[in-house]
């Protein structure tokens, strides 16, 4: 007597697989039409590998981007006294492309992306997520979908060869004069932020005892209603302080002090999207004192200077020739960022 064949319980292998050529798609410079790199459209490169003998007649690629916000609004409550929440989802990207099956075992593709896409992110209250879906059709009844998450990154320095502009903060406050030169941007790969500071103390028996240098990460949320744009109180994350003890008798304005702060691994790169923004600043604190400790206590002086902390594109190969050398394209760090097509009004609810 013939026994019925057992049905296999092993998972069926897919008829095709989707591969991405790199870990992320890199966008260079601020999201602004005036950015010189806006003319260089980034590509999402990849391939589809066919694993089964199926005659596919149509292949469609679709890249979608979605940004979400879910956060409580301070000072607003519903009828039950519970804090009101903003919960909204906005579609920010939809790029499609048709591929023609050639009968080969692999088909390569490239999708041009808009230059002003916000980068991917996942925070406690907001997210920006991109998904690539490949739909394979073979006849009226055969259809297969493959889905991959896509990481989009924005870099404000194209490579390690670019010349980084500096900003100078100088002020005279009574008997104390200072001058601090700060890079406008710094790469996480550098491992540290270095400032050049000069100061002069015009008070008898008083000098700078130590200078504290601390990096701060500022996470800000905003949303738009029919009444306008609303900004929530920022969340400030302070990293460990690096103390710089000036050499003895070094209070002359012409003497330069190099003050350093390490970039911790937990620090996130600059981010700008329609609901969330992550920025950074340098917090410098001057502590005063007298050699014999006889002078009256003087409050420390705090100086806060914004800085863009970013990272390089993966491998830097994608930015080869960008911003390098005297004839390289310079990234304008003064350009404001905007995503006008994403600024839709949201409703505040329980």
Protein backbone atom coordinates (compact mmCIF):
# COMPACT_ATOMS: atom_id res chain seq x y z
CA UNK A 1 0.00 0.00 0.00
CA UNK A 2 1.38 3.33 -1.01
CA UNK A 3 1.74 5.88 1.78
CA UNK A 4 0.77 9.48 1.04
CA UNK A 5 3.74 11.75 0.54
CA UNK A 6 4.49 14.00 3.49
CA UNK A 7 4.17 17.69 2.90
CA UNK A 8 7.46 19.50 3.47
CA UNK A 9 7.46 21.81 6.47
CA UNK A 10 10.72 23.55 5.52
CA UNK A 11 10.31 27.17 4.47
CA UNK A 12 10.01 27.66 0.74
CA UNK A 13 12.91 29.57 -0.78
CA UNK A 14 11.91 32.90 -2.37
CA UNK A 15 11.90 33.17 -6.16
CA UNK A 16 14.01 36.34 -6.04
CA UNK A 17 16.03 38.47 -3.62
CA UNK A 18 16.64 42.21 -3.38
CA UNK A 19 20.12 43.56 -2.59
CA UNK A 20 21.31 47.12 -1.94
CA UNK A 21 24.75 48.16 -3.14
CA UNK A 22 25.65 50.17 -0.02
CA UNK A 23 24.61 50.46 3.61
CA UNK A 24 23.22 53.98 3.11
CA UNK A 25 22.42 56.63 0.52
CA UNK A 26 24.42 59.81 1.17
CA UNK A 27 23.16 63.36 0.65
CA UNK A 28 25.74 66.16 0.92
CA UNK A 29 25.17 69.60 2.46
CA UNK A 30 22.06 71.40 3.74
CA UNK A 31 18.65 70.62 2.25
CA UNK A 32 18.45 73.81 0.23
CA UNK A 33 18.16 74.51 -3.51
CA UNK A 34 21.10 76.93 -3.23
CA UNK A 35 23.35 74.13 -2.00
CA UNK A 36 25.84 73.40 -4.86
CA UNK A 37 25.48 69.67 -4.18
CA UNK A 38 21.72 69.88 -4.83
CA UNK A 39 22.56 69.54 -8.53
CA UNK A 40 24.22 66.16 -7.92
CA UNK A 41 21.34 63.75 -7.47
CA UNK A 42 22.13 60.79 -5.25
CA UNK A 43 21.28 57.29 -6.45
CA UNK A 44 19.96 54.28 -4.61
CA UNK A 45 21.83 51.41 -6.25
CA UNK A 46 21.02 47.74 -5.99
CA UNK A 47 20.12 44.55 -7.81
CA UNK A 48 17.48 41.85 -8.00
CA UNK A 49 18.74 38.26 -8.17
CA UNK A 50 16.32 35.69 -9.62
CA UNK A 51 16.49 32.32 -7.85
CA UNK A 52 13.63 30.46 -9.59
CA UNK A 53 12.84 29.74 -13.21
CA UNK A 54 9.91 32.13 -13.51
CA UNK A 55 9.14 34.22 -16.56
CA UNK A 56 8.63 37.64 -14.96
CA UNK A 57 6.89 40.09 -17.27
CA UNK A 58 7.02 43.22 -15.14
CA UNK A 59 9.19 44.55 -12.28
CA UNK A 60 8.23 47.70 -10.37
CA UNK A 61 10.39 49.49 -7.79
CA UNK A 62 8.82 51.88 -5.30
CA UNK A 63 10.67 53.87 -2.64
CA UNK A 64 8.44 55.41 0.03
CA UNK A 65 9.35 57.67 2.93
CA UNK A 66 7.22 58.22 6.01
CA UNK A 67 7.79 60.53 8.97
CA UNK A 68 5.89 60.11 12.23
CA UNK A 69 5.38 62.16 15.38
CA UNK A 70 3.88 61.03 18.69
CA UNK A 71 4.46 63.41 21.59
CA UNK A 72 2.56 65.03 24.46
CA UNK A 73 1.88 68.75 24.23
CA UNK A 74 2.77 70.52 27.50
CA UNK A 75 0.03 72.60 29.07
CA UNK A 76 -2.80 71.09 27.00
CA UNK A 77 -5.28 68.52 28.33
CA UNK A 78 -8.38 66.74 27.09
CA UNK A 79 -11.80 66.72 28.74
CA UNK A 80 -10.67 64.01 31.18
CA UNK A 81 -7.64 65.98 32.30
CA UNK A 82 -5.17 63.75 30.44
CA UNK A 83 -2.27 65.35 28.52
CA UNK A 84 -3.05 65.95 24.87
CA UNK A 85 -0.94 64.16 22.29
CA UNK A 86 0.11 64.90 18.75
CA UNK A 87 0.04 61.75 16.63
CA UNK A 88 0.59 62.24 12.93
CA UNK A 89 2.08 60.49 9.91
CA UNK A 90 3.27 62.27 6.78
CA UNK A 91 4.34 60.77 3.46
CA UNK A 92 7.49 62.55 2.33
CA UNK A 93 8.73 60.51 -0.61
CA UNK A 94 7.41 58.26 -3.37
CA UNK A 95 9.78 57.36 -6.20
CA UNK A 96 8.82 54.67 -8.74
CA UNK A 97 10.69 52.98 -11.55
CA UNK A 98 9.87 50.20 -14.00
CA UNK A 99 12.48 47.58 -14.84
CA UNK A 100 12.44 45.51 -18.00
CA UNK A 101 13.16 41.79 -17.45
CA UNK A 102 15.99 40.67 -19.73
CA UNK A 103 16.05 36.97 -18.94
CA UNK A 104 19.35 37.33 -17.08
CA UNK A 105 19.75 35.94 -13.56
CA UNK A 106 20.48 39.44 -12.15
CA UNK A 107 19.14 42.88 -13.00
CA UNK A 108 20.79 46.04 -11.65
CA UNK A 109 18.97 49.28 -10.94
CA UNK A 110 19.50 52.86 -9.80
CA UNK A 111 16.87 55.20 -8.33
CA UNK A 112 17.47 58.97 -8.37
CA UNK A 113 16.45 60.54 -5.04
CA UNK A 114 15.29 64.11 -4.34
CA UNK A 115 18.13 66.20 -2.88
CA UNK A 116 16.07 67.62 0.01
CA UNK A 117 15.00 64.37 1.67
CA UNK A 118 15.30 64.37 5.46
CA UNK A 119 17.68 61.69 6.76
CA UNK A 120 16.51 58.53 8.47
CA UNK A 121 16.11 58.69 12.24
CA UNK A 122 14.38 56.95 15.15
CA UNK A 123 13.88 58.88 18.40
CA UNK A 124 11.55 58.44 21.34
CA UNK A 125 8.89 60.65 19.76
CA UNK A 126 9.60 60.84 16.03
CA UNK A 127 10.92 58.81 13.13
CA UNK A 128 11.83 59.07 9.45
CA UNK A 129 11.72 55.69 7.67
CA UNK A 130 12.32 54.76 4.02
CA UNK A 131 11.22 51.48 2.44
CA UNK A 132 12.02 50.02 -0.97
CA UNK A 133 9.48 47.55 -2.40
CA UNK A 134 10.14 45.47 -5.51
CA UNK A 135 7.01 43.97 -7.08
CA UNK A 136 7.57 41.14 -9.56
CA UNK A 137 4.68 40.11 -11.82
CA UNK A 138 4.58 37.01 -14.00
CA UNK A 139 1.27 36.58 -15.76
CA UNK A 140 -2.15 37.27 -14.25
CA UNK A 141 -1.72 35.14 -11.12
CA UNK A 142 1.99 35.18 -10.28
CA UNK A 143 3.15 38.07 -8.08
CA UNK A 144 5.99 38.40 -5.58
CA UNK A 145 6.95 41.36 -3.36
CA UNK A 146 10.33 42.02 -1.72
CA UNK A 147 10.80 44.76 0.87
CA UNK A 148 13.94 46.39 2.24
CA UNK A 149 14.50 49.30 4.62
CA UNK A 150 16.70 52.03 3.17
CA UNK A 151 18.98 54.21 5.28
CA UNK A 152 19.26 57.82 4.08
CA UNK A 153 21.99 59.96 5.62
CA UNK A 154 22.86 63.62 5.26
CA UNK A 155 26.47 64.73 5.63
CA UNK A 156 27.58 68.33 6.06
CA UNK A 157 31.23 67.57 5.28
CA UNK A 158 31.84 65.65 2.04
CA UNK A 159 35.25 64.26 2.97
CA UNK A 160 38.28 64.76 5.19
CA UNK A 161 40.01 67.05 2.65
CA UNK A 162 37.44 69.85 2.69
CA UNK A 163 38.42 73.20 4.21
CA UNK A 164 36.20 73.86 7.23
CA UNK A 165 35.33 77.53 7.89
CA UNK A 166 35.62 78.90 11.40
CA UNK A 167 33.56 81.29 13.52
CA UNK A 168 34.98 83.75 16.02
CA UNK A 169 33.27 84.86 19.22
CA UNK A 170 34.95 87.86 20.88
CA UNK A 171 33.72 90.01 23.75
CA UNK A 172 34.89 92.30 26.52
CA UNK A 173 33.03 91.91 29.80
CA UNK A 174 34.35 94.39 32.33
CA UNK A 175 37.85 93.33 33.29
CA UNK A 176 37.80 90.13 31.17
CA UNK A 177 38.33 89.94 27.42
CA UNK A 178 38.11 86.72 25.40
CA UNK A 179 38.35 85.54 21.80
CA UNK A 180 37.31 82.01 20.81
CA UNK A 181 37.75 80.57 17.31
CA UNK A 182 35.52 77.56 16.62
CA UNK A 183 35.18 75.34 13.54
CA UNK A 184 31.75 75.70 11.95
CA UNK A 185 31.56 71.91 11.64
CA UNK A 186 33.38 68.87 12.92
CA UNK A 187 33.34 65.24 11.83
CA UNK A 188 32.58 62.50 14.33
CA UNK A 189 35.48 60.57 12.80
CA UNK A 190 37.88 63.26 14.07
CA UNK A 191 37.22 62.05 17.60
CA UNK A 192 37.38 65.49 19.21
CA UNK A 193 36.44 69.15 18.85
CA UNK A 194 39.31 71.63 19.16
CA UNK A 195 38.84 75.33 19.96
CA UNK A 196 41.46 78.09 19.88
CA UNK A 197 40.93 80.52 22.78
CA UNK A 198 42.68 83.71 23.86
CA UNK A 199 41.89 85.86 26.85
CA UNK A 200 43.13 88.71 28.99
CA UNK A 201 42.40 89.45 32.65
CA UNK A 202 42.65 93.13 33.59
CA UNK A 203 42.01 92.67 37.29
CA UNK A 204 44.70 92.65 39.91
CA UNK A 205 45.39 89.31 41.58
CA UNK A 206 42.83 87.50 39.42
CA UNK A 207 43.34 85.02 36.60
CA UNK A 208 41.67 82.10 34.81
CA UNK A 209 42.13 78.98 36.90
CA UNK A 210 40.44 76.39 34.62
CA UNK A 211 38.40 76.30 31.43
CA UNK A 212 35.70 73.64 31.13
CA UNK A 213 34.68 72.46 27.66
CA UNK A 214 31.45 70.48 27.31
CA UNK A 215 29.52 69.30 24.25
CA UNK A 216 25.73 69.54 24.32
CA UNK A 217 23.19 67.74 22.12
CA UNK A 218 19.85 69.54 21.71
CA UNK A 219 16.80 67.55 20.58
CA UNK A 220 13.94 69.82 19.50
CA UNK A 221 10.41 69.00 18.32
CA UNK A 222 8.04 71.19 16.35
CA UNK A 223 4.72 70.83 14.61
CA UNK A 224 2.38 73.01 12.61
CA UNK A 225 -1.30 73.61 13.23
CA UNK A 226 -3.68 76.06 11.61
CA UNK A 227 -2.50 78.60 14.20
CA UNK A 228 1.13 78.36 13.10
CA UNK A 229 4.32 76.50 13.99
CA UNK A 230 4.69 75.37 17.60
CA UNK A 231 8.00 74.42 19.22
CA UNK A 232 8.19 72.22 22.29
CA UNK A 233 10.81 72.75 25.03
CA UNK A 234 14.08 71.18 23.85
CA UNK A 235 15.72 68.17 25.47
CA UNK A 236 19.37 69.01 26.23
CA UNK A 237 21.86 66.21 26.71
CA UNK A 238 25.17 67.23 28.26
CA UNK A 239 28.27 65.09 27.85
CA UNK A 240 31.22 64.87 30.28
CA UNK A 241 33.29 67.99 30.89
CA UNK A 242 36.89 68.29 29.75
CA UNK A 243 38.90 70.59 32.03
CA UNK A 244 41.79 72.67 30.69
CA UNK A 245 44.18 74.15 33.30
CA UNK A 246 46.01 77.11 31.69
CA UNK A 247 49.75 77.33 32.24
CA UNK A 248 50.86 79.70 34.98
CA UNK A 249 51.19 83.34 33.93
CA UNK A 250 49.37 82.80 30.62
CA UNK A 251 46.73 85.51 30.79
CA UNK A 252 47.89 87.51 27.77
CA UNK A 253 45.41 88.06 24.92
CA UNK A 254 48.09 87.14 22.37
CA UNK A 255 48.63 83.66 23.74
CA UNK A 256 46.56 80.92 22.12
CA UNK A 257 45.17 78.00 24.12
CA UNK A 258 43.97 74.86 22.33
CA UNK A 259 41.02 73.45 24.26
CA UNK A 260 39.75 69.97 23.38
CA UNK A 261 36.67 67.89 24.07
CA UNK A 262 36.27 64.27 22.94
CA UNK A 263 33.26 63.35 20.83
CA UNK A 264 31.54 60.52 22.74
CA UNK A 265 30.25 57.47 20.85
CA UNK A 266 26.69 58.17 22.08
CA UNK A 267 26.54 61.56 20.34
CA UNK A 268 24.27 61.63 17.29
CA UNK A 269 25.03 63.55 14.10
CA UNK A 270 23.10 66.68 13.18
CA UNK A 271 19.59 65.97 11.94
CA UNK A 272 16.87 68.12 10.41
CA UNK A 273 13.40 66.96 9.40
CA UNK A 274 9.90 68.34 9.58
CA UNK A 275 9.18 67.23 13.17
CA UNK A 276 12.54 66.78 14.91
CA UNK A 277 15.88 68.54 14.85
CA UNK A 278 19.15 67.55 16.55
CA UNK A 279 21.79 70.26 16.92
CA UNK A 280 24.93 70.73 18.99
CA UNK A 281 26.79 73.48 20.77
CA UNK A 282 30.04 73.99 22.65
CA UNK A 283 29.69 75.13 26.25
CA UNK A 284 32.83 76.85 27.53
CA UNK A 285 33.04 77.87 31.19
CA UNK A 286 35.80 80.14 32.51
CA UNK A 287 36.53 79.69 36.23
CA UNK A 288 38.34 82.56 37.94
CA UNK A 289 40.50 82.67 41.05
CA UNK A 290 43.48 84.31 42.69
CA UNK A 291 46.84 82.70 43.39
CA UNK A 292 46.54 83.21 47.13
CA UNK A 293 42.72 82.68 47.30
CA UNK A 294 42.30 86.07 49.04
CA UNK A 295 40.15 87.67 46.37
CA UNK A 296 36.37 87.64 46.50
CA UNK A 297 34.64 84.78 44.65
CA UNK A 298 33.79 85.58 41.02
CA UNK A 299 30.99 83.79 39.19
CA UNK A 300 32.16 81.61 36.28
CA UNK A 301 31.57 82.95 32.78
CA UNK A 302 29.69 80.64 30.37
CA UNK A 303 29.97 80.98 26.58
CA UNK A 304 27.81 78.85 24.26
CA UNK A 305 28.78 78.45 20.59
CA UNK A 306 26.77 76.41 18.04
CA UNK A 307 28.60 73.80 15.96
CA UNK A 308 27.57 71.26 13.31
CA UNK A 309 28.69 67.76 14.26
CA UNK A 310 28.32 65.39 11.33
CA UNK A 311 29.92 62.30 9.83
CA UNK A 312 31.51 61.50 6.50
CA UNK A 313 29.79 59.46 3.78
CA UNK A 314 30.40 55.74 3.98
CA UNK A 315 33.93 55.08 2.76
CA UNK A 316 34.14 58.69 1.50
CA UNK A 317 34.29 57.15 -2.00
CA UNK A 318 30.89 58.57 -2.87
CA UNK A 319 32.26 62.07 -2.24
CA UNK A 320 35.56 61.68 -4.07
CA UNK A 321 36.51 64.98 -5.66
CA UNK A 322 33.81 66.90 -3.78
CA UNK A 323 35.26 69.76 -1.83
CA UNK A 324 38.84 68.50 -2.15
CA UNK A 325 41.59 70.73 -3.47
CA UNK A 326 41.48 74.42 -4.33
CA UNK A 327 38.89 73.90 -7.08
CA UNK A 328 36.57 71.66 -5.07
CA UNK A 329 32.93 72.52 -4.47
CA UNK A 330 32.49 74.09 -1.06
CA UNK A 331 29.54 73.19 1.14
CA UNK A 332 27.79 76.36 2.33
CA UNK A 333 27.11 75.74 6.03
CA UNK A 334 25.23 79.06 6.33
CA UNK A 335 22.35 77.90 4.17
CA UNK A 336 19.08 77.37 6.07
CA UNK A 337 17.43 73.98 5.77
CA UNK A 338 13.85 73.52 4.79
CA UNK A 339 11.35 70.88 3.80
CA UNK A 340 8.44 73.03 2.60
CA UNK A 341 6.44 70.24 0.99
CA UNK A 342 6.29 68.36 4.31
CA UNK A 343 4.90 71.23 6.43
CA UNK A 344 1.28 70.14 6.74
CA UNK A 345 -0.98 71.10 9.62
CA UNK A 346 -1.66 68.49 12.29
CA UNK A 347 -4.42 68.27 14.86
CA UNK A 348 -3.82 68.00 18.59
CA UNK A 349 -5.85 65.26 20.24
CA UNK A 350 -6.01 63.12 23.37
